[in-house]
Amino acid sequence: MNFYEILLIALSMSMDAFAVCLGAGTQPRTTGPRPVFRLAFHFGLFQFFMPVIGWFAGTTLVRYISAYDHWVAFGLLAFVGIRMIRSGFDPTNAEQKNDPSRGWTLVLLAFATSIDALAVGFSLGVVGVTIWYPAVVIGLVTGLISWLGIYLGNRLGQKFGKRMEIIGGIILILIGIRILLSHLLA
């Protein structure tokens, strides 16, 4: 497998993270270098580790997870999306309670967008590709793409305010629905 094939895999795997970071970037608490770094780093880290785990797990774990991984991803993204929408409609919520760059929300978002990477790691193992180089490329590309999503989300959030938080929540829910439908209709 050459670099360009791995890069295409990495770009395609990072699109969910980009969209989630675009939505998360619209929130006031995700401006500044620390929250941006936390989001981009964790999305890249999870996209690095999940293919490695999938590669090592082999058919046993993938068989058990594939039956419900799409439901888990949908549920996590819908949960965070609904919280963002509620916050966007709350006129008294001057201080954002839910910071997507901290705690369990960050872990849930990073995990939900990287579940499919387990199957990618398993596939790479089946075709005999060693996992470390592709995993590093996938993690770095996802981190950079996530940073870009946060940056663009910050700009949109500054311009459009709470409306972008509502749109960001809708985007998360739509990504969850897309993941769910792609598995159910496949």
N, C-alpha and C. Protein backbone atom coordinates (compact mmCIF):
# COMPACT_ATOMS: atom_id res chain seq x y z
N MET A 1 0.85 -1.17 0.00
CA MET A 1 0.00 0.00 0.00
C MET A 1 0.90 1.23 0.00
N ASN A 2 0.70 2.12 -0.98
CA ASN A 2 1.57 3.28 -1.07
C ASN A 2 1.02 4.46 -0.26
N PHE A 3 1.83 5.51 -0.19
CA PHE A 3 1.48 6.68 0.62
C PHE A 3 0.16 7.32 0.18
N TYR A 4 -0.07 7.42 -1.11
CA TYR A 4 -1.28 8.08 -1.61
C TYR A 4 -2.55 7.30 -1.25
N GLU A 5 -2.46 5.99 -1.28
CA GLU A 5 -3.61 5.18 -0.86
C GLU A 5 -3.89 5.37 0.63
N ILE A 6 -2.85 5.40 1.42
CA ILE A 6 -3.01 5.62 2.86
C ILE A 6 -3.55 7.02 3.12
N LEU A 7 -3.06 8.00 2.36
CA LEU A 7 -3.53 9.37 2.52
C LEU A 7 -5.02 9.48 2.17
N LEU A 8 -5.46 8.82 1.12
CA LEU A 8 -6.88 8.83 0.77
C LEU A 8 -7.73 8.18 1.86
N ILE A 9 -7.24 7.09 2.43
CA ILE A 9 -7.95 6.45 3.54
C ILE A 9 -8.03 7.42 4.72
N ALA A 10 -6.91 8.07 5.02
CA ALA A 10 -6.87 9.01 6.15
C ALA A 10 -7.83 10.18 5.92
N LEU A 11 -7.84 10.72 4.72
CA LEU A 11 -8.74 11.85 4.43
C LEU A 11 -10.21 11.43 4.55
N SER A 12 -10.54 10.26 4.03
CA SER A 12 -11.93 9.82 4.11
C SER A 12 -12.33 9.53 5.55
N MET A 13 -11.41 8.99 6.34
CA MET A 13 -11.73 8.71 7.74
C MET A 13 -11.82 9.97 8.58
N SER A 14 -11.19 11.05 8.16
CA SER A 14 -11.18 12.28 8.95
C SER A 14 -12.38 13.19 8.68
N MET A 15 -13.21 12.85 7.72
CA MET A 15 -14.33 13.74 7.38
C MET A 15 -15.37 13.86 8.50
N ASP A 16 -15.66 12.78 9.19
CA ASP A 16 -16.59 12.87 10.33
C ASP A 16 -16.00 13.75 11.42
N ALA A 17 -14.71 13.58 11.69
CA ALA A 17 -14.05 14.40 12.71
C ALA A 17 -14.07 15.87 12.29
N PHE A 18 -13.87 16.14 11.01
CA PHE A 18 -13.92 17.52 10.51
C PHE A 18 -15.29 18.14 10.77
N ALA A 19 -16.33 17.41 10.41
CA ALA A 19 -17.69 17.94 10.58
C ALA A 19 -18.03 18.14 12.06
N VAL A 20 -17.62 17.22 12.91
CA VAL A 20 -17.88 17.36 14.34
C VAL A 20 -17.11 18.56 14.89
N CYS A 21 -15.85 18.71 14.48
CA CYS A 21 -15.05 19.85 14.94
C CYS A 21 -15.58 21.17 14.40
N LEU A 22 -16.13 21.15 13.22
CA LEU A 22 -16.77 22.36 12.68
C LEU A 22 -17.92 22.77 13.59
N GLY A 23 -18.74 21.81 13.98
CA GLY A 23 -19.84 22.11 14.89
C GLY A 23 -19.36 22.51 16.27
N ALA A 24 -18.39 21.79 16.81
CA ALA A 24 -17.87 22.11 18.14
C ALA A 24 -17.18 23.46 18.15
N GLY A 25 -16.56 23.81 17.04
CA GLY A 25 -15.85 25.09 16.96
C GLY A 25 -16.76 26.30 17.02
N THR A 26 -18.05 26.10 16.82
CA THR A 26 -18.98 27.23 16.89
C THR A 26 -19.27 27.65 18.33
N GLN A 27 -18.91 26.84 19.28
CA GLN A 27 -19.19 27.16 20.68
C GLN A 27 -18.14 28.11 21.23
N PRO A 28 -18.56 29.04 22.08
CA PRO A 28 -17.63 30.05 22.61
C PRO A 28 -16.45 29.48 23.38
N ARG A 29 -16.61 28.34 24.02
CA ARG A 29 -15.54 27.78 24.84
C ARG A 29 -14.47 27.07 24.02
N THR A 30 -14.62 26.98 22.73
CA THR A 30 -13.61 26.29 21.92
C THR A 30 -12.71 27.25 21.17
N THR A 31 -12.72 28.51 21.55
CA THR A 31 -11.77 29.46 20.96
C THR A 31 -10.52 29.48 21.83
N GLY A 32 -9.42 29.78 21.23
CA GLY A 32 -8.16 29.81 21.96
C GLY A 32 -7.34 28.56 21.70
N PRO A 33 -6.06 28.63 21.95
CA PRO A 33 -5.17 27.52 21.58
C PRO A 33 -5.39 26.23 22.39
N ARG A 34 -5.72 26.32 23.66
CA ARG A 34 -5.84 25.10 24.48
C ARG A 34 -7.02 24.22 24.05
N PRO A 35 -8.24 24.77 23.94
CA PRO A 35 -9.34 23.89 23.51
C PRO A 35 -9.16 23.38 22.08
N VAL A 36 -8.60 24.21 21.23
CA VAL A 36 -8.35 23.77 19.84
C VAL A 36 -7.37 22.61 19.84
N PHE A 37 -6.29 22.74 20.62
CA PHE A 37 -5.31 21.65 20.69
C PHE A 37 -5.94 20.39 21.26
N ARG A 38 -6.72 20.53 22.35
CA ARG A 38 -7.33 19.34 22.96
C ARG A 38 -8.22 18.60 21.97
N LEU A 39 -9.06 19.33 21.26
CA LEU A 39 -9.95 18.69 20.29
C LEU A 39 -9.17 18.02 19.17
N ALA A 40 -8.30 18.77 18.51
CA ALA A 40 -7.55 18.21 17.38
C ALA A 40 -6.67 17.04 17.82
N PHE A 41 -6.02 17.17 18.98
CA PHE A 41 -5.14 16.11 19.48
C PHE A 41 -5.94 14.84 19.76
N HIS A 42 -7.05 14.97 20.45
CA HIS A 42 -7.81 13.77 20.82
C HIS A 42 -8.46 13.10 19.61
N PHE A 43 -8.95 13.89 18.67
CA PHE A 43 -9.51 13.28 17.46
C PHE A 43 -8.42 12.53 16.70
N GLY A 44 -7.25 13.14 16.56
CA GLY A 44 -6.14 12.46 15.90
C GLY A 44 -5.67 11.23 16.67
N LEU A 45 -5.61 11.34 18.00
CA LEU A 45 -5.18 10.22 18.83
C LEU A 45 -6.13 9.03 18.72
N PHE A 46 -7.43 9.30 18.79
CA PHE A 46 -8.40 8.21 18.67
C PHE A 46 -8.35 7.59 17.28
N GLN A 47 -8.18 8.42 16.24
CA GLN A 47 -8.09 7.88 14.88
C GLN A 47 -6.79 7.10 14.69
N PHE A 48 -5.77 7.39 15.48
CA PHE A 48 -4.54 6.60 15.44
C PHE A 48 -4.74 5.25 16.13
N PHE A 49 -5.31 5.26 17.33
CA PHE A 49 -5.42 4.03 18.12
C PHE A 49 -6.48 3.05 17.62
N MET A 50 -7.58 3.53 17.10
CA MET A 50 -8.66 2.62 16.72
C MET A 50 -8.25 1.66 15.60
N PRO A 51 -7.54 2.10 14.55
CA PRO A 51 -7.09 1.11 13.56
C PRO A 51 -6.10 0.10 14.16
N VAL A 52 -5.27 0.57 15.09
CA VAL A 52 -4.32 -0.33 15.74
C VAL A 52 -5.09 -1.39 16.53
N ILE A 53 -6.08 -0.95 17.28
CA ILE A 53 -6.89 -1.89 18.06
C ILE A 53 -7.61 -2.86 17.13
N GLY A 54 -8.18 -2.34 16.04
CA GLY A 54 -8.86 -3.20 15.07
C GLY A 54 -7.92 -4.20 14.44
N TRP A 55 -6.71 -3.76 14.15
CA TRP A 55 -5.71 -4.63 13.54
C TRP A 55 -5.34 -5.76 14.49
N PHE A 56 -5.15 -5.44 15.77
CA PHE A 56 -4.78 -6.45 16.76
C PHE A 56 -5.96 -7.33 17.16
N ALA A 57 -7.15 -6.77 17.15
CA ALA A 57 -8.31 -7.51 17.63
C ALA A 57 -8.70 -8.66 16.71
N GLY A 58 -8.49 -8.46 15.43
CA GLY A 58 -8.83 -9.52 14.47
C GLY A 58 -10.33 -9.73 14.37
N THR A 59 -10.70 -10.86 13.88
CA THR A 59 -12.11 -11.13 13.61
C THR A 59 -12.97 -11.27 14.86
N THR A 60 -12.41 -11.65 15.98
CA THR A 60 -13.21 -11.88 17.18
C THR A 60 -13.92 -10.62 17.64
N LEU A 61 -13.18 -9.55 17.88
CA LEU A 61 -13.77 -8.33 18.40
C LEU A 61 -14.61 -7.63 17.34
N VAL A 62 -14.15 -7.56 16.11
CA VAL A 62 -14.89 -6.88 15.06
C VAL A 62 -16.26 -7.52 14.86
N ARG A 63 -16.31 -8.82 14.95
CA ARG A 63 -17.59 -9.54 14.78
C ARG A 63 -18.60 -9.09 15.83
N TYR A 64 -18.15 -8.91 17.07
CA TYR A 64 -19.05 -8.50 18.15
C TYR A 64 -19.43 -7.02 18.07
N ILE A 65 -18.48 -6.19 17.71
CA ILE A 65 -18.73 -4.75 17.67
C ILE A 65 -19.54 -4.34 16.46
N SER A 66 -19.31 -4.97 15.32
CA SER A 66 -19.96 -4.54 14.08
C SER A 66 -21.47 -4.65 14.15
N ALA A 67 -22.00 -5.46 15.05
CA ALA A 67 -23.45 -5.60 15.15
C ALA A 67 -24.10 -4.35 15.74
N TYR A 68 -23.37 -3.56 16.50
CA TYR A 68 -24.00 -2.40 17.14
C TYR A 68 -23.14 -1.14 17.15
N ASP A 69 -21.98 -1.13 16.48
CA ASP A 69 -21.13 0.06 16.51
C ASP A 69 -21.82 1.29 15.94
N HIS A 70 -22.63 1.12 14.92
CA HIS A 70 -23.34 2.25 14.32
C HIS A 70 -24.37 2.83 15.28
N TRP A 71 -24.98 1.99 16.10
CA TRP A 71 -25.94 2.49 17.10
C TRP A 71 -25.23 3.29 18.19
N VAL A 72 -24.05 2.84 18.59
CA VAL A 72 -23.28 3.55 19.61
C VAL A 72 -22.86 4.92 19.07
N ALA A 73 -22.32 4.95 17.86
CA ALA A 73 -21.90 6.22 17.26
C ALA A 73 -23.09 7.17 17.12
N PHE A 74 -24.22 6.67 16.64
CA PHE A 74 -25.41 7.50 16.49
C PHE A 74 -25.85 8.05 17.84
N GLY A 75 -25.93 7.19 18.84
CA GLY A 75 -26.38 7.62 20.16
C GLY A 75 -25.49 8.68 20.77
N LEU A 76 -24.18 8.50 20.67
CA LEU A 76 -23.26 9.47 21.24
C LEU A 76 -23.34 10.82 20.53
N LEU A 77 -23.36 10.79 19.20
CA LEU A 77 -23.44 12.04 18.44
C LEU A 77 -24.78 12.74 18.64
N ALA A 78 -25.86 11.98 18.69
CA ALA A 78 -27.18 12.58 18.91
C ALA A 78 -27.25 13.20 20.31
N PHE A 79 -26.70 12.53 21.30
CA PHE A 79 -26.71 13.05 22.67
C PHE A 79 -26.01 14.41 22.74
N VAL A 80 -24.80 14.49 22.21
CA VAL A 80 -24.04 15.74 22.24
C VAL A 80 -24.73 16.79 21.37
N GLY A 81 -25.25 16.39 20.20
CA GLY A 81 -25.94 17.33 19.32
C GLY A 81 -27.17 17.94 19.96
N ILE A 82 -27.96 17.12 20.64
CA ILE A 82 -29.16 17.64 21.31
C ILE A 82 -28.78 18.62 22.41
N ARG A 83 -27.71 18.32 23.13
CA ARG A 83 -27.26 19.26 24.17
C ARG A 83 -26.83 20.59 23.56
N MET A 84 -26.17 20.55 22.40
CA MET A 84 -25.76 21.79 21.74
C MET A 84 -26.97 22.58 21.26
N ILE A 85 -27.96 21.90 20.71
CA ILE A 85 -29.16 22.58 20.23
C ILE A 85 -29.91 23.23 21.39
N ARG A 86 -30.08 22.49 22.48
CA ARG A 86 -30.75 23.06 23.65
C ARG A 86 -30.02 24.29 24.16
N SER A 87 -28.71 24.21 24.20
CA SER A 87 -27.91 25.34 24.67
C SER A 87 -28.05 26.53 23.72
N GLY A 88 -28.14 26.28 22.42
CA GLY A 88 -28.29 27.35 21.45
C GLY A 88 -29.62 28.07 21.55
N PHE A 89 -30.65 27.38 22.00
CA PHE A 89 -31.97 27.99 22.15
C PHE A 89 -32.18 28.64 23.51
N ASP A 90 -31.28 28.40 24.45
CA ASP A 90 -31.43 28.92 25.81
C ASP A 90 -30.87 30.34 25.87
N PRO A 91 -31.75 31.37 25.95
CA PRO A 91 -31.26 32.75 25.96
C PRO A 91 -30.56 33.14 27.25
N THR A 92 -30.80 32.41 28.35
CA THR A 92 -30.18 32.74 29.63
C THR A 92 -28.85 32.06 29.82
N ASN A 93 -28.46 31.23 28.89
CA ASN A 93 -27.24 30.45 29.04
C ASN A 93 -26.04 31.26 28.56
N ALA A 94 -25.64 32.25 29.34
CA ALA A 94 -24.48 33.06 28.97
C ALA A 94 -23.19 32.26 29.09
N GLU A 95 -23.10 31.43 30.10
CA GLU A 95 -21.92 30.58 30.31
C GLU A 95 -22.23 29.20 29.77
N GLN A 96 -21.50 28.77 28.79
CA GLN A 96 -21.73 27.45 28.18
C GLN A 96 -21.39 26.36 29.18
N LYS A 97 -22.36 25.48 29.48
CA LYS A 97 -22.15 24.41 30.45
C LYS A 97 -21.40 23.25 29.83
N ASN A 98 -21.64 22.97 28.59
CA ASN A 98 -21.08 21.80 27.94
C ASN A 98 -19.91 22.21 27.05
N ASP A 99 -18.71 21.93 27.51
CA ASP A 99 -17.52 22.26 26.75
C ASP A 99 -17.06 21.01 25.98
N PRO A 100 -17.19 21.02 24.64
CA PRO A 100 -16.81 19.83 23.87
C PRO A 100 -15.32 19.55 23.86
N SER A 101 -14.52 20.44 24.40
CA SER A 101 -13.07 20.21 24.41
C SER A 101 -12.58 19.68 25.75
N ARG A 102 -13.49 19.24 26.60
CA ARG A 102 -13.10 18.74 27.93
C ARG A 102 -13.91 17.51 28.32
N GLY A 103 -13.33 16.72 29.19
CA GLY A 103 -14.03 15.65 29.87
C GLY A 103 -14.65 14.60 28.97
N TRP A 104 -15.76 14.07 29.46
CA TRP A 104 -16.42 12.96 28.77
C TRP A 104 -16.99 13.37 27.42
N THR A 105 -17.40 14.62 27.28
CA THR A 105 -17.91 15.05 25.98
C THR A 105 -16.82 14.91 24.92
N LEU A 106 -15.61 15.30 25.23
CA LEU A 106 -14.49 15.17 24.30
C LEU A 106 -14.23 13.70 23.98
N VAL A 107 -14.20 12.87 24.99
CA VAL A 107 -13.95 11.44 24.77
C VAL A 107 -15.07 10.82 23.93
N LEU A 108 -16.31 11.15 24.24
CA LEU A 108 -17.45 10.60 23.49
C LEU A 108 -17.40 11.01 22.02
N LEU A 109 -17.11 12.28 21.76
CA LEU A 109 -17.04 12.74 20.37
C LEU A 109 -15.89 12.05 19.63
N ALA A 110 -14.73 11.98 20.25
CA ALA A 110 -13.58 11.35 19.59
C ALA A 110 -13.83 9.87 19.35
N PHE A 111 -14.44 9.20 20.31
CA PHE A 111 -14.74 7.78 20.17
C PHE A 111 -15.79 7.54 19.08
N ALA A 112 -16.85 8.35 19.11
CA ALA A 112 -17.95 8.16 18.15
C ALA A 112 -17.50 8.34 16.71
N THR A 113 -16.58 9.26 16.48
CA THR A 113 -16.13 9.49 15.10
C THR A 113 -15.04 8.53 14.66
N SER A 114 -14.53 7.71 15.58
CA SER A 114 -13.44 6.81 15.21
C SER A 114 -13.81 5.33 15.27
N ILE A 115 -15.06 5.01 15.54
CA ILE A 115 -15.46 3.60 15.64
C ILE A 115 -15.20 2.86 14.33
N ASP A 116 -15.49 3.48 13.21
CA ASP A 116 -15.27 2.82 11.92
C ASP A 116 -13.81 2.50 11.66
N ALA A 117 -12.91 3.19 12.36
CA ALA A 117 -11.49 2.93 12.18
C ALA A 117 -11.10 1.53 12.65
N LEU A 118 -11.90 0.94 13.54
CA LEU A 118 -11.65 -0.45 13.94
C LEU A 118 -11.70 -1.37 12.72
N ALA A 119 -12.74 -1.19 11.91
CA ALA A 119 -12.90 -2.02 10.72
C ALA A 119 -11.79 -1.76 9.71
N VAL A 120 -11.36 -0.50 9.60
CA VAL A 120 -10.26 -0.18 8.69
C VAL A 120 -9.00 -0.89 9.14
N GLY A 121 -8.72 -0.83 10.44
CA GLY A 121 -7.54 -1.53 10.97
C GLY A 121 -7.61 -3.02 10.73
N PHE A 122 -8.80 -3.59 10.92
CA PHE A 122 -8.97 -5.02 10.67
C PHE A 122 -8.72 -5.32 9.19
N SER A 123 -9.26 -4.48 8.30
CA SER A 123 -9.07 -4.69 6.86
C SER A 123 -7.61 -4.62 6.47
N LEU A 124 -6.88 -3.68 7.04
CA LEU A 124 -5.46 -3.56 6.74
C LEU A 124 -4.70 -4.80 7.22
N GLY A 125 -5.12 -5.35 8.34
CA GLY A 125 -4.49 -6.58 8.82
C GLY A 125 -4.76 -7.76 7.91
N VAL A 126 -5.98 -7.83 7.37
CA VAL A 126 -6.35 -8.93 6.48
C VAL A 126 -5.53 -8.90 5.20
N VAL A 127 -5.27 -7.70 4.65
CA VAL A 127 -4.51 -7.62 3.41
C VAL A 127 -2.99 -7.63 3.65
N GLY A 128 -2.59 -7.77 4.92
CA GLY A 128 -1.18 -7.93 5.22
C GLY A 128 -0.38 -6.64 5.33
N VAL A 129 -1.05 -5.52 5.56
CA VAL A 129 -0.35 -4.25 5.71
C VAL A 129 0.02 -4.09 7.19
N THR A 130 1.26 -3.74 7.46
CA THR A 130 1.60 -3.44 8.85
C THR A 130 0.89 -2.15 9.24
N ILE A 131 0.45 -2.06 10.47
CA ILE A 131 -0.49 -1.02 10.87
C ILE A 131 0.15 0.29 11.30
N TRP A 132 1.40 0.30 11.73
CA TRP A 132 1.94 1.49 12.37
C TRP A 132 2.04 2.69 11.45
N TYR A 133 2.55 2.52 10.27
CA TYR A 133 2.67 3.66 9.34
C TYR A 133 1.30 4.21 8.95
N PRO A 134 0.35 3.38 8.50
CA PRO A 134 -0.98 3.93 8.19
C PRO A 134 -1.64 4.58 9.40
N ALA A 135 -1.48 4.01 10.60
CA ALA A 135 -2.11 4.58 11.79
C ALA A 135 -1.55 5.97 12.10
N VAL A 136 -0.24 6.14 11.94
CA VAL A 136 0.37 7.45 12.18
C VAL A 136 -0.15 8.47 11.16
N VAL A 137 -0.21 8.08 9.90
CA VAL A 137 -0.70 8.99 8.86
C VAL A 137 -2.17 9.34 9.13
N ILE A 138 -2.98 8.35 9.45
CA ILE A 138 -4.40 8.59 9.74
C ILE A 138 -4.55 9.54 10.93
N GLY A 139 -3.78 9.32 11.99
CA GLY A 139 -3.86 10.18 13.16
C GLY A 139 -3.44 11.61 12.88
N LEU A 140 -2.33 11.77 12.16
CA LEU A 140 -1.85 13.13 11.84
C LEU A 140 -2.81 13.87 10.92
N VAL A 141 -3.29 13.19 9.88
CA VAL A 141 -4.23 13.83 8.95
C VAL A 141 -5.51 14.21 9.69
N THR A 142 -6.02 13.33 10.53
CA THR A 142 -7.24 13.64 11.28
C THR A 142 -7.02 14.81 12.22
N GLY A 143 -5.88 14.85 12.88
CA GLY A 143 -5.57 15.99 13.75
C GLY A 143 -5.56 17.30 12.99
N LEU A 144 -4.92 17.32 11.82
CA LEU A 144 -4.87 18.54 11.01
C LEU A 144 -6.24 18.93 10.46
N ILE A 145 -6.98 17.95 9.97
CA ILE A 145 -8.32 18.22 9.44
C ILE A 145 -9.24 18.70 10.56
N SER A 146 -9.09 18.12 11.76
CA SER A 146 -9.89 18.54 12.91
C SER A 146 -9.58 19.99 13.27
N TRP A 147 -8.29 20.33 13.28
CA TRP A 147 -7.90 21.71 13.56
C TRP A 147 -8.55 22.66 12.56
N LEU A 148 -8.55 22.29 11.29
CA LEU A 148 -9.18 23.11 10.26
C LEU A 148 -10.68 23.28 10.53
N GLY A 149 -11.35 22.19 10.92
CA GLY A 149 -12.77 22.26 11.23
C GLY A 149 -13.05 23.18 12.41
N ILE A 150 -12.22 23.10 13.44
CA ILE A 150 -12.40 23.96 14.61
C ILE A 150 -12.17 25.42 14.22
N TYR A 151 -11.12 25.67 13.46
CA TYR A 151 -10.81 27.02 13.01
C TYR A 151 -11.99 27.63 12.24
N LEU A 152 -12.51 26.86 11.28
CA LEU A 152 -13.65 27.37 10.50
C LEU A 152 -14.89 27.53 11.38
N GLY A 153 -15.11 26.59 12.30
CA GLY A 153 -16.23 26.70 13.22
C GLY A 153 -16.12 27.92 14.12
N ASN A 154 -14.90 28.23 14.60
CA ASN A 154 -14.69 29.43 15.41
C ASN A 154 -15.07 30.69 14.64
N ARG A 155 -14.66 30.75 13.39
CA ARG A 155 -14.97 31.92 12.57
C ARG A 155 -16.48 32.06 12.35
N LEU A 156 -17.12 30.95 12.04
CA LEU A 156 -18.57 30.98 11.84
C LEU A 156 -19.30 31.32 13.14
N GLY A 157 -18.82 30.79 14.27
CA GLY A 157 -19.43 31.06 15.56
C GLY A 157 -19.31 32.52 15.94
N GLN A 158 -18.17 33.14 15.64
CA GLN A 158 -17.99 34.56 15.93
C GLN A 158 -18.93 35.41 15.09
N LYS A 159 -19.14 34.98 13.87
CA LYS A 159 -19.97 35.77 12.96
C LYS A 159 -21.47 35.60 13.22
N PHE A 160 -21.88 34.36 13.50
CA PHE A 160 -23.31 34.08 13.59
C PHE A 160 -23.80 33.74 15.00
N GLY A 161 -22.90 33.63 15.97
CA GLY A 161 -23.28 33.43 17.36
C GLY A 161 -23.99 32.12 17.64
N LYS A 162 -25.03 32.18 18.47
CA LYS A 162 -25.73 30.98 18.95
C LYS A 162 -26.40 30.20 17.82
N ARG A 163 -26.75 30.86 16.73
CA ARG A 163 -27.34 30.13 15.60
C ARG A 163 -26.40 29.05 15.10
N MET A 164 -25.09 29.33 15.13
CA MET A 164 -24.13 28.33 14.67
C MET A 164 -24.04 27.16 15.65
N GLU A 165 -24.28 27.41 16.93
CA GLU A 165 -24.30 26.32 17.90
C GLU A 165 -25.45 25.36 17.60
N ILE A 166 -26.59 25.91 17.23
CA ILE A 166 -27.74 25.09 16.85
C ILE A 166 -27.42 24.30 15.58
N ILE A 167 -26.83 24.97 14.61
CA ILE A 167 -26.44 24.29 13.36
C ILE A 167 -25.41 23.21 13.65
N GLY A 168 -24.45 23.51 14.54
CA GLY A 168 -23.44 22.51 14.91
C GLY A 168 -24.08 21.27 15.53
N GLY A 169 -25.08 21.47 16.39
CA GLY A 169 -25.79 20.34 16.97
C GLY A 169 -26.53 19.53 15.93
N ILE A 170 -27.15 20.22 14.98
CA ILE A 170 -27.85 19.53 13.89
C ILE A 170 -26.86 18.73 13.05
N ILE A 171 -25.68 19.30 12.81
CA ILE A 171 -24.65 18.60 12.03
C ILE A 171 -24.25 17.30 12.74
N LEU A 172 -24.06 17.37 14.05
CA LEU A 172 -23.69 16.16 14.79
C LEU A 172 -24.77 15.08 14.67
N ILE A 173 -26.03 15.49 14.81
CA ILE A 173 -27.13 14.53 14.69
C ILE A 173 -27.18 13.94 13.28
N LEU A 174 -26.99 14.78 12.27
CA LEU A 174 -27.02 14.29 10.89
C LEU A 174 -25.86 13.32 10.61
N ILE A 175 -24.69 13.59 11.18
CA ILE A 175 -23.57 12.65 11.02
C ILE A 175 -23.93 11.31 11.66
N GLY A 176 -24.54 11.37 12.84
CA GLY A 176 -24.97 10.14 13.50
C GLY A 176 -25.98 9.38 12.66
N ILE A 177 -26.93 10.08 12.07
CA ILE A 177 -27.94 9.45 11.20
C ILE A 177 -27.27 8.84 9.97
N ARG A 178 -26.29 9.57 9.39
CA ARG A 178 -25.59 9.04 8.22
C ARG A 178 -24.84 7.76 8.56
N ILE A 179 -24.17 7.74 9.70
CA ILE A 179 -23.46 6.53 10.14
C ILE A 179 -24.44 5.39 10.32
N LEU A 180 -25.55 5.67 10.97
CA LEU A 180 -26.55 4.64 11.22
C LEU A 180 -27.13 4.09 9.91
N LEU A 181 -27.51 4.99 9.01
CA LEU A 181 -28.09 4.55 7.74
C LEU A 181 -27.09 3.81 6.85
N SER A 182 -25.83 4.27 6.86
CA SER A 182 -24.84 3.59 6.02
C SER A 182 -24.62 2.15 6.46
N HIS A 183 -24.78 1.89 7.75
CA HIS A 183 -24.63 0.50 8.23
C HIS A 183 -25.92 -0.31 8.04
N LEU A 184 -27.06 0.33 8.25
CA LEU A 184 -28.32 -0.39 8.14
C LEU A 184 -28.69 -0.70 6.70
N LEU A 185 -28.31 0.19 5.77
CA LEU A 185 -28.67 0.02 4.36
C LEU A 185 -27.58 -0.64 3.55
N ALA A 186 -26.46 -0.96 4.17
CA ALA A 186 -25.33 -1.55 3.43
C ALA A 186 -25.59 -3.00 3.07
